[in-house]
Protein backbone atom coordinates (compact mmCIF):
# COMPACT_ATOMS: atom_id res chain seq x y z
CA MET A 1 8.30 18.54 27.78
CA THR A 2 8.55 18.52 24.01
CA ARG A 3 7.07 15.79 21.85
CA VAL A 4 6.96 15.02 18.17
CA ARG A 5 3.72 16.37 16.69
CA GLY A 6 2.23 16.45 13.23
CA ILE A 7 0.67 19.63 11.91
CA ARG A 8 -1.49 19.67 8.80
CA GLY A 9 -1.99 22.60 6.46
CA ALA A 10 -3.37 23.33 3.02
CA ILE A 11 -3.88 26.26 0.68
CA THR A 12 -5.28 26.71 -2.80
CA ILE A 13 -3.63 28.78 -5.51
CA GLN A 14 -5.07 30.51 -8.57
CA GLU A 15 -2.59 29.50 -11.27
CA ASN A 16 -0.05 26.77 -11.96
CA ASN A 17 3.07 28.90 -12.08
CA ALA A 18 6.14 29.28 -9.88
CA GLU A 19 5.08 32.65 -8.47
CA HIS A 20 1.68 31.41 -7.29
CA ILE A 21 3.24 28.25 -5.85
CA ARG A 22 5.86 30.37 -4.02
CA GLU A 23 3.27 32.79 -2.63
CA GLY A 24 0.91 30.01 -1.52
CA THR A 25 3.62 27.83 0.00
CA GLN A 26 5.24 30.64 1.93
CA GLU A 27 1.93 32.07 3.16
CA LEU A 28 0.86 28.64 4.40
CA LEU A 29 4.15 27.81 6.12
CA GLN A 30 4.49 31.21 7.77
CA GLU A 31 0.94 30.96 9.14
CA MET A 32 1.61 27.44 10.46
CA ILE A 33 4.76 28.69 12.22
CA LYS A 34 2.92 31.68 13.69
CA ARG A 35 -0.18 29.83 14.95
CA ASN A 36 1.89 27.08 16.55
CA SER A 37 4.69 29.26 17.96
CA LEU A 38 7.41 27.34 16.12
CA ALA A 39 11.01 28.12 15.26
CA THR A 40 12.65 26.70 12.15
CA THR A 41 14.78 24.50 14.43
CA ASP A 42 11.58 22.86 15.74
CA ILE A 43 10.75 21.44 12.29
CA ILE A 44 11.78 17.83 11.86
CA SER A 45 10.51 17.27 8.30
CA ALA A 46 7.86 18.32 5.78
CA ILE A 47 5.81 16.29 3.32
CA PHE A 48 4.14 18.34 0.59
CA THR A 49 1.45 17.03 -1.72
CA LEU A 50 0.09 18.82 -4.76
CA THR A 51 -2.96 18.14 -6.84
CA ARG A 52 -2.07 16.99 -10.34
CA ASP A 53 -2.95 20.40 -11.80
CA ILE A 54 0.10 21.89 -10.04
CA ASP A 55 3.48 21.00 -11.53
CA ALA A 56 5.30 24.27 -12.28
CA ALA A 57 7.59 24.19 -9.20
CA PHE A 58 8.39 22.31 -6.00
CA PRO A 59 7.00 23.83 -2.77
CA ALA A 60 10.15 22.66 -0.95
CA THR A 61 12.19 25.10 -3.06
CA PHE A 62 10.20 27.99 -1.59
CA ALA A 63 10.35 26.62 1.95
CA ARG A 64 14.14 26.75 1.66
CA GLN A 65 13.83 30.47 0.88
CA LEU A 66 12.31 30.83 4.37
CA GLY A 67 15.47 29.36 5.90
CA TRP A 68 14.39 25.72 5.91
CA ASP A 69 17.62 24.62 4.21
CA ARG A 70 18.33 21.89 6.84
CA VAL A 71 14.75 20.54 6.97
CA PRO A 72 14.24 17.24 5.09
CA MET A 73 11.36 17.71 2.63
CA ILE A 74 9.65 15.78 -0.13
CA CYS A 75 6.97 16.70 -2.68
CA LEU A 76 4.40 14.20 -3.97
CA ASN A 77 1.21 14.11 -6.04
CA GLU A 78 -2.08 13.94 -4.17
CA VAL A 79 -4.38 11.00 -5.02
CA PRO A 80 -6.61 12.26 -7.87
CA VAL A 81 -9.99 11.45 -6.31
CA PRO A 82 -12.85 12.54 -8.65
CA GLY A 83 -14.45 15.75 -7.42
CA SER A 84 -11.62 16.62 -5.01
CA LEU A 85 -10.45 20.19 -4.43
CA PRO A 86 -8.29 21.42 -7.35
CA MET A 87 -5.18 23.63 -7.25
CA CYS A 88 -4.34 22.59 -3.70
CA ILE A 89 -0.99 22.42 -1.90
CA ARG A 90 -1.06 20.35 1.29
CA VAL A 91 1.67 19.87 3.88
CA LEU A 92 2.28 17.65 6.88
CA LEU A 93 4.93 19.08 9.21
CA HIS A 94 6.62 16.91 11.81
CA VAL A 95 7.73 19.17 14.64
CA GLU A 96 9.06 19.16 18.18
CA SER A 97 6.61 21.05 20.36
CA ALA A 98 5.49 21.43 23.95
CA LEU A 99 1.92 21.88 22.69
CA THR A 100 -0.56 19.09 23.29
CA GLN A 101 -2.28 17.41 20.35
CA GLU A 102 -5.41 19.44 21.19
CA GLU A 103 -3.43 22.70 21.21
CA ILE A 104 -1.85 22.11 17.79
CA GLN A 105 -3.51 24.36 15.22
CA PRO A 106 -3.84 23.03 11.68
CA VAL A 107 -3.99 25.73 9.02
CA TYR A 108 -6.37 25.67 6.07
CA LEU A 109 -6.35 28.78 3.87
CA LYS A 110 -8.43 30.04 0.95
CA ASP A 111 -10.64 27.31 -0.59
CA ALA A 112 -8.76 24.68 1.45
CA VAL A 113 -10.97 25.58 4.43
CA ASN A 114 -13.48 23.25 2.77
CA LEU A 115 -11.20 20.27 3.45
CA ARG A 116 -11.62 20.40 7.23
CA ARG A 117 -14.41 22.79 8.21
CA ASP A 118 -14.51 20.99 11.57
CA LEU A 119 -11.01 22.35 12.34
CA VAL A 120 -11.41 25.88 10.94
CA GLU A 121 -12.82 28.64 13.09
């Protein structure tokens, strides 16, 4: 039986430019799809947040390049908490999946592993 699940992911990038945002976004999304055995048709929606030091491009633009042209997406600024991780793209995917909540695998890449060490192997 499939249910609606949320899957979190995050990645850091080196520079605030479209190429780094594209590479980071696509690497993150492809890894989330792989680890959770998803098809594009399983994705209900995506919410991206970016730290305020990233503003050169929208991650949703690069998700569409992966074939996500029918997935509703929005991009927002992350709350600028002092001392928080810089240069970070985060995403919350809403998906249809037969996986249980415990089987869902969040994906934290590069320096973003520091956000949720408890969930990273």
